[in-house]
Amino acid sequence: MKQYQPSSLRVEIDNALSQIDFSVEIDGSRKPLVEELIDATVLVGGKRMRPHLCLLFGAYIGVDPMELLDCAKSIEFVHSASLAHDDVIDEAKLRRSKKTLNEKTSNIHAVLAGDLLLTRATRGILKYQNNALLEDLSDTLDDLVTGEWLQLESRYRSDLSMKNIERIAYLKTGSVMRWCCLAPLRLFAADEVTIDLSLEWSRLIGLVFQAVDDCLDFEESSGKRFAQDYLEGQLNQVTHTLLQNNPSMRGEFEKHFGKNEPVFPWTAMELSQAMDEVRGVVAGRLSLANECLDAIDRHAQSRGWQTNPEARQELNVLMQALEKRTV
């Protein structure tokens, strides 16, 4: 098999990302401990997938990645802030196999750290002097809070519809993907058709990401506790499908649902079938996402401009990676 060679665009984007300082700068009036703790927890590691997507989608429609560095940094701060807050809500002690910020300090410190990251994210966007960018960021934060609120209200409920589960997925995951696309679209001053097609693409990608995440809840490779959502009383796309396929298990399911007891009412075959169905939905959505990109390509040509074919190829690579990811 021929080894995949990184494109020149990928090298350019990687170089651009390497110029972003993702650490939090704290002025002399604050304790440096705050900075050190944030940098060592929610901002450490990670694949920087969202900043990468922001720069890549910008390159796809013709925006220089160097013009998007502050947007890329801001969206990573927003994502990291949501992790800090989520860990408090979930009472999590580990993230990426390391102690969470709330575990190292306290819930109060973690909440304040998340708030600080959100203020820095907003500050990073101000320099563009683009009201649409600020409105989009505000909408993203609104959706993140709403999604977390709805997820909290849905805990210990086994009667959630798939529509509700997917709505939470879009608000918590898809909204961030949406902003990664909207930022370059605003700087490009894209027309409404391009924006609408791009938003549909980002919606599908957000749903794909969460669906794969739900499948990884049952994979040892994820590094998470097996069936963690089920143990914590959170219905996801796999457990919902399990219940739909096997209604007779509902009584036993609800008996242990959210009790943090490793008692599972499904067989390995039933679980495998449910996961296959969810991954089938993932494949279908990726096909639709690909059609969105095709439509953007055609629309661009009809308007007298051209999308970047190299970036389009890298977006295809990204979509394949989302489908096949193991962590």
Protein backbone atom coordinates (compact mmCIF):
# COMPACT_ATOMS: atom_id res chain seq x y z
CA MET A 1 0.00 0.00 0.00
CA LYS A 2 1.33 3.42 -0.95
CA GLN A 3 2.09 5.54 2.11
CA TYR A 4 -0.03 8.65 2.45
CA GLN A 5 2.02 11.81 1.95
CA PRO A 6 0.88 14.99 3.73
CA SER A 7 -0.19 17.66 1.27
CA SER A 8 1.57 21.00 1.08
CA LEU A 9 -1.63 22.53 2.42
CA ARG A 10 -1.55 20.24 5.45
CA VAL A 11 2.03 21.30 6.12
CA GLU A 12 0.99 24.94 5.76
CA ILE A 13 -1.88 24.49 8.22
CA ASP A 14 0.29 22.58 10.67
CA ASN A 15 2.84 25.39 10.51
CA ALA A 16 0.09 27.94 11.11
CA LEU A 17 -1.21 25.98 14.11
CA SER A 18 2.29 25.78 15.55
CA GLN A 19 2.37 29.58 15.70
CA ILE A 20 -0.66 29.73 17.99
CA ASP A 21 0.12 30.02 21.68
CA PHE A 22 -2.70 28.10 23.33
CA SER A 23 -1.57 28.95 26.84
CA VAL A 24 -3.43 31.46 28.99
CA GLU A 25 -1.61 34.67 29.73
CA ILE A 26 -2.35 36.10 33.15
CA ASP A 27 -1.34 39.61 34.15
CA GLY A 28 0.75 40.26 37.25
CA SER A 29 -2.23 41.00 39.47
CA ARG A 30 -3.37 37.36 39.38
CA LYS A 31 -1.74 34.29 40.81
CA PRO A 32 0.26 32.36 38.18
CA LEU A 33 -1.22 29.15 39.66
CA VAL A 34 -4.43 29.82 37.69
CA GLU A 35 -2.52 29.97 34.44
CA GLU A 36 -0.47 26.88 35.24
CA LEU A 37 -3.49 24.80 36.20
CA ILE A 38 -5.49 25.69 33.09
CA ASP A 39 -2.53 25.04 30.81
CA ALA A 40 -1.86 21.70 32.52
CA THR A 41 -5.45 20.38 32.35
CA VAL A 42 -8.08 21.46 29.83
CA LEU A 43 -5.59 23.08 27.44
CA VAL A 44 -2.98 20.34 27.50
CA GLY A 45 -2.80 17.72 24.76
CA GLY A 46 -5.77 17.11 22.53
CA LYS A 47 -5.70 16.95 18.75
CA ARG A 48 -6.62 20.63 18.20
CA MET A 49 -9.23 19.26 15.81
CA ARG A 50 -11.43 22.36 16.01
CA PRO A 51 -8.67 24.89 15.28
CA HIS A 52 -7.50 22.60 12.47
CA LEU A 53 -11.01 22.50 11.02
CA CYS A 54 -11.30 26.29 11.21
CA LEU A 55 -8.09 26.80 9.22
CA LEU A 56 -8.84 23.97 6.80
CA PHE A 57 -12.36 25.15 5.98
CA GLY A 58 -10.98 28.64 5.51
CA ALA A 59 -8.43 27.33 3.01
CA TYR A 60 -11.23 25.44 1.25
CA ILE A 61 -13.17 28.64 0.50
CA GLY A 62 -10.09 30.79 -0.09
CA VAL A 63 -9.17 32.37 3.26
CA ASP A 64 -5.48 32.48 4.19
CA PRO A 65 -4.98 30.28 7.31
CA MET A 66 -2.82 33.04 8.84
CA GLU A 67 -5.87 35.32 8.91
CA LEU A 68 -7.74 32.81 11.06
CA LEU A 69 -5.25 32.20 13.86
CA ASP A 70 -7.17 34.20 16.44
CA CYS A 71 -10.43 32.50 15.44
CA ALA A 72 -8.77 29.10 15.78
CA LYS A 73 -7.40 29.98 19.20
CA SER A 74 -10.75 31.34 20.37
CA ILE A 75 -12.69 28.22 19.42
CA GLU A 76 -10.16 26.04 21.25
CA PHE A 77 -10.62 28.23 24.34
CA VAL A 78 -14.40 27.85 24.04
CA HIS A 79 -14.06 24.07 23.74
CA SER A 80 -11.66 23.93 26.70
CA ALA A 81 -13.99 26.07 28.80
CA SER A 82 -16.83 23.66 28.08
CA LEU A 83 -14.59 20.77 29.22
CA ALA A 84 -13.82 22.54 32.49
CA HIS A 85 -17.51 23.16 33.13
CA ASP A 86 -18.57 19.67 31.99
CA ASP A 87 -16.10 18.04 34.38
CA VAL A 88 -17.67 19.95 37.26
CA ILE A 89 -21.19 18.94 36.23
CA ASP A 90 -20.17 15.31 35.69
CA GLU A 91 -18.02 15.25 38.83
CA ALA A 92 -15.25 13.85 36.65
CA LYS A 93 -11.85 13.16 38.17
CA LEU A 94 -9.89 12.21 35.05
CA ARG A 95 -9.65 13.55 31.51
CA ARG A 96 -7.16 12.19 28.98
CA SER A 97 -5.89 9.97 31.81
CA LYS A 98 -4.93 13.00 33.89
CA LYS A 99 -6.58 14.68 36.85
CA THR A 100 -9.23 17.21 35.90
CA LEU A 101 -8.99 20.83 36.90
CA ASN A 102 -11.77 20.46 39.48
CA GLU A 103 -10.00 17.43 40.95
CA LYS A 104 -6.70 19.31 41.22
CA THR A 105 -8.29 22.36 42.81
CA SER A 106 -12.02 22.67 43.40
CA ASN A 107 -15.29 23.02 41.51
CA ILE A 108 -15.26 26.76 42.16
CA HIS A 109 -11.78 27.17 40.66
CA ALA A 110 -12.73 25.06 37.63
CA VAL A 111 -15.86 27.12 36.93
CA LEU A 112 -13.92 30.37 37.22
CA ALA A 113 -11.18 29.00 34.96
CA GLY A 114 -13.79 28.10 32.35
CA ASP A 115 -15.26 31.59 32.61
CA LEU A 116 -11.81 33.09 32.15
CA LEU A 117 -11.27 31.05 28.98
CA LEU A 118 -14.58 32.32 27.60
CA THR A 119 -13.60 35.94 28.18
CA ARG A 120 -10.29 35.31 26.40
CA ALA A 121 -12.14 33.69 23.50
CA THR A 122 -14.30 36.78 23.09
CA ARG A 123 -11.31 39.11 23.37
CA GLY A 124 -9.55 37.22 20.58
CA ILE A 125 -12.42 37.92 18.20
CA LEU A 126 -12.69 41.64 18.94
CA LYS A 127 -9.63 42.50 16.85
CA TYR A 128 -11.47 41.46 13.67
CA GLN A 129 -14.02 44.24 14.22
CA ASN A 130 -16.64 42.00 12.67
CA ASN A 131 -20.04 42.03 14.37
CA ALA A 132 -21.16 38.87 12.59
CA LEU A 133 -18.24 36.95 14.10
CA LEU A 134 -19.20 38.12 17.59
CA GLU A 135 -22.84 37.23 17.03
CA ASP A 136 -21.85 33.77 15.82
CA LEU A 137 -19.65 33.24 18.87
CA SER A 138 -22.49 34.38 21.12
CA ASP A 139 -24.86 31.92 19.42
CA THR A 140 -22.33 29.14 19.94
CA LEU A 141 -22.01 29.86 23.66
CA ASP A 142 -25.80 30.03 23.95
CA ASP A 143 -26.13 26.64 22.27
CA LEU A 144 -23.45 25.08 24.47
CA VAL A 145 -25.22 26.20 27.63
CA THR A 146 -28.61 25.12 26.31
CA GLY A 147 -27.23 21.73 25.29
CA GLU A 148 -25.65 21.15 28.68
CA TRP A 149 -28.88 22.22 30.41
CA LEU A 150 -30.98 19.83 28.30
CA GLN A 151 -28.50 17.01 28.89
CA LEU A 152 -28.67 17.60 32.63
CA GLU A 153 -32.48 17.48 32.51
CA SER A 154 -32.36 14.28 30.43
CA ARG A 155 -30.25 12.36 32.93
CA TYR A 156 -31.83 9.15 34.26
CA ARG A 157 -34.49 9.28 31.53
CA SER A 158 -34.71 6.17 29.40
CA ASP A 159 -37.68 7.47 27.41
CA LEU A 160 -35.80 10.14 25.43
CA SER A 161 -36.49 10.19 21.70
CA MET A 162 -33.62 9.99 19.22
CA LYS A 163 -34.64 13.47 18.10
CA ASN A 164 -33.93 14.84 21.59
CA ILE A 165 -30.63 12.96 21.83
CA GLU A 166 -29.52 14.35 18.48
CA ARG A 167 -30.62 17.86 19.41
CA ILE A 168 -28.38 17.76 22.48
CA ALA A 169 -25.56 16.41 20.30
CA TYR A 170 -25.95 19.27 17.85
CA LEU A 171 -26.09 21.94 20.57
CA LYS A 172 -23.07 20.59 22.46
CA THR A 173 -20.93 19.39 19.56
CA GLY A 174 -22.35 20.61 16.28
CA SER A 175 -22.53 24.25 17.37
CA VAL A 176 -18.74 24.37 17.79
CA MET A 177 -18.22 22.74 14.38
CA ARG A 178 -20.62 25.32 12.96
CA TRP A 179 -18.54 28.19 14.29
CA CYS A 180 -15.36 26.66 12.84
CA CYS A 181 -16.98 27.05 9.42
CA LEU A 182 -18.78 30.34 10.06
CA ALA A 183 -15.61 32.19 11.09
CA PRO A 184 -13.90 31.87 7.69
CA LEU A 185 -17.23 32.33 5.90
CA ARG A 186 -17.68 35.71 7.59
CA LEU A 187 -14.17 36.84 6.69
CA PHE A 188 -14.75 35.64 3.14
CA ALA A 189 -18.08 37.52 3.03
CA ALA A 190 -19.69 34.39 1.59
CA ASP A 191 -23.11 34.46 -0.05
CA GLU A 192 -26.15 32.89 1.62
CA VAL A 193 -26.13 29.71 -0.48
CA THR A 194 -22.51 28.96 0.45
CA ILE A 195 -23.28 29.69 4.10
CA ASP A 196 -26.39 27.47 4.15
CA LEU A 197 -24.58 24.54 2.53
CA SER A 198 -21.61 24.97 4.88
CA LEU A 199 -23.87 25.05 7.93
CA GLU A 200 -25.57 21.85 6.84
CA TRP A 201 -22.14 20.25 6.37
CA SER A 202 -21.06 21.31 9.86
CA ARG A 203 -24.35 20.06 11.36
CA LEU A 204 -23.82 16.63 9.84
CA ILE A 205 -20.19 16.53 10.97
CA GLY A 206 -21.20 17.44 14.52
CA LEU A 207 -23.78 14.64 14.62
CA VAL A 208 -21.23 12.20 13.18
CA PHE A 209 -18.67 13.13 15.81
CA GLN A 210 -21.11 12.53 18.67
CA ALA A 211 -22.49 9.29 17.20
CA VAL A 212 -18.97 7.87 16.91
CA ASP A 213 -18.31 9.07 20.46
CA ASP A 214 -21.40 7.15 21.62
CA CYS A 215 -20.05 4.01 19.96
CA LEU A 216 -16.65 4.54 21.56
CA ASP A 217 -18.43 4.47 24.93
CA PHE A 218 -18.39 0.69 24.43
CA GLU A 219 -14.86 0.33 23.05
CA GLU A 220 -11.82 -0.44 25.19
CA SER A 221 -9.65 1.65 22.85
CA SER A 222 -11.39 4.83 23.98
CA GLY A 223 -9.68 4.76 27.36
CA LYS A 224 -13.02 5.49 29.03
CA ARG A 225 -14.94 3.32 31.42
CA PHE A 226 -17.10 0.80 29.54
CA ALA A 227 -20.68 2.08 29.08
CA GLN A 228 -19.89 5.21 31.05
CA ASP A 229 -22.96 7.10 29.80
CA TYR A 230 -25.25 4.24 30.84
CA LEU A 231 -23.61 3.99 34.26
CA GLU A 232 -24.09 7.74 34.75
CA GLY A 233 -27.71 7.67 33.64
CA GLN A 234 -27.24 9.28 30.22
CA LEU A 235 -29.04 7.69 27.29
CA ASN A 236 -27.01 7.91 24.09
CA GLN A 237 -27.57 6.81 20.50
CA VAL A 238 -26.34 3.26 21.09
CA THR A 239 -28.37 2.58 24.25
CA HIS A 240 -31.42 4.19 22.66
CA THR A 241 -31.05 1.85 19.68
CA LEU A 242 -30.60 -1.11 22.05
CA LEU A 243 -33.92 -0.30 23.73
CA GLN A 244 -35.70 0.20 20.43
CA ASN A 245 -34.45 -3.14 19.13
CA ASN A 246 -35.07 -5.02 22.38
CA PRO A 247 -38.05 -3.51 24.27
CA SER A 248 -38.19 -6.54 26.58
CA MET A 249 -34.96 -5.40 28.25
CA ARG A 250 -36.44 -2.04 29.37
CA GLY A 251 -37.34 -3.19 32.89
CA GLU A 252 -33.89 -4.58 33.62
CA PHE A 253 -32.28 -1.63 31.83
CA GLU A 254 -34.08 0.92 34.00
CA LYS A 255 -33.34 -1.09 37.14
CA HIS A 256 -29.59 -0.43 36.75
CA PHE A 257 -29.61 2.71 34.58
CA GLY A 258 -27.62 5.48 36.27
CA LYS A 259 -26.87 3.39 39.35
CA ASN A 260 -23.13 3.20 38.57
CA GLU A 261 -23.50 -0.57 38.69
CA PRO A 262 -21.68 -2.59 35.99
CA VAL A 263 -24.77 -4.70 35.31
CA PHE A 264 -25.75 -4.72 31.63
CA PRO A 265 -29.07 -6.18 30.42
CA TRP A 266 -27.91 -6.66 26.82
CA THR A 267 -25.94 -9.44 25.16
CA ALA A 268 -22.75 -8.89 23.19
CA MET A 269 -24.66 -9.65 19.99
CA GLU A 270 -27.40 -7.11 20.78
CA LEU A 271 -24.79 -4.45 21.56
CA SER A 272 -22.88 -5.19 18.37
CA GLN A 273 -26.06 -4.90 16.30
CA ALA A 274 -26.96 -1.55 17.87
CA MET A 275 -23.47 -0.18 17.28
CA ASP A 276 -23.57 -1.36 13.66
CA GLU A 277 -26.85 0.50 13.18
CA VAL A 278 -25.46 3.71 14.64
CA ARG A 279 -22.34 3.43 12.50
CA GLY A 280 -24.62 2.89 9.51
CA VAL A 281 -26.28 6.21 10.29
CA VAL A 282 -22.81 7.74 10.54
CA ALA A 283 -21.91 6.48 7.07
CA GLY A 284 -25.14 7.89 5.67
CA ARG A 285 -24.51 11.30 7.18
CA LEU A 286 -20.96 11.39 5.89
CA SER A 287 -22.34 10.68 2.42
CA LEU A 288 -24.73 13.62 2.80
CA ALA A 289 -21.87 15.79 4.07
CA ASN A 290 -19.89 14.91 0.98
CA GLU A 291 -22.85 15.96 -1.15
CA CYS A 292 -22.85 19.32 0.63
CA LEU A 293 -19.23 19.88 -0.37
CA ASP A 294 -20.04 18.86 -3.95
CA ALA A 295 -22.83 21.44 -3.97
CA ILE A 296 -20.49 24.13 -2.62
CA ASP A 297 -17.98 23.31 -5.36
CA ARG A 298 -20.65 23.61 -8.06
CA HIS A 299 -22.09 26.80 -6.60
CA ALA A 300 -18.63 28.38 -6.39
CA GLN A 301 -18.02 27.70 -10.07
CA SER A 302 -21.39 29.19 -10.98
CA ARG A 303 -20.43 32.35 -9.08
CA GLY A 304 -17.05 32.68 -10.77
CA TRP A 305 -14.76 31.49 -7.99
CA GLN A 306 -13.24 28.13 -7.15
CA THR A 307 -12.85 26.17 -3.95
CA ASN A 308 -9.41 24.80 -3.13
CA PRO A 309 -9.24 21.19 -4.42
CA GLU A 310 -6.37 20.34 -2.08
CA ALA A 311 -8.40 21.54 0.90
CA ARG A 312 -11.38 19.55 -0.35
CA GLN A 313 -9.21 16.44 -0.33
CA GLU A 314 -8.10 17.18 3.23
CA LEU A 315 -11.74 17.65 4.30
CA ASN A 316 -12.42 14.18 2.89
CA VAL A 317 -9.48 12.84 4.93
CA LEU A 318 -10.87 14.55 8.03
CA MET A 319 -14.32 13.02 7.50
CA GLN A 320 -12.83 9.56 7.13
CA ALA A 321 -10.78 10.08 10.28
CA LEU A 322 -13.91 11.09 12.22
CA GLU A 323 -15.66 7.91 11.15
CA LYS A 324 -12.74 5.63 12.00
CA ARG A 325 -11.43 7.31 15.15
CA THR A 326 -10.81 5.08 18.16
CA VAL A 327 -10.36 7.69 20.89
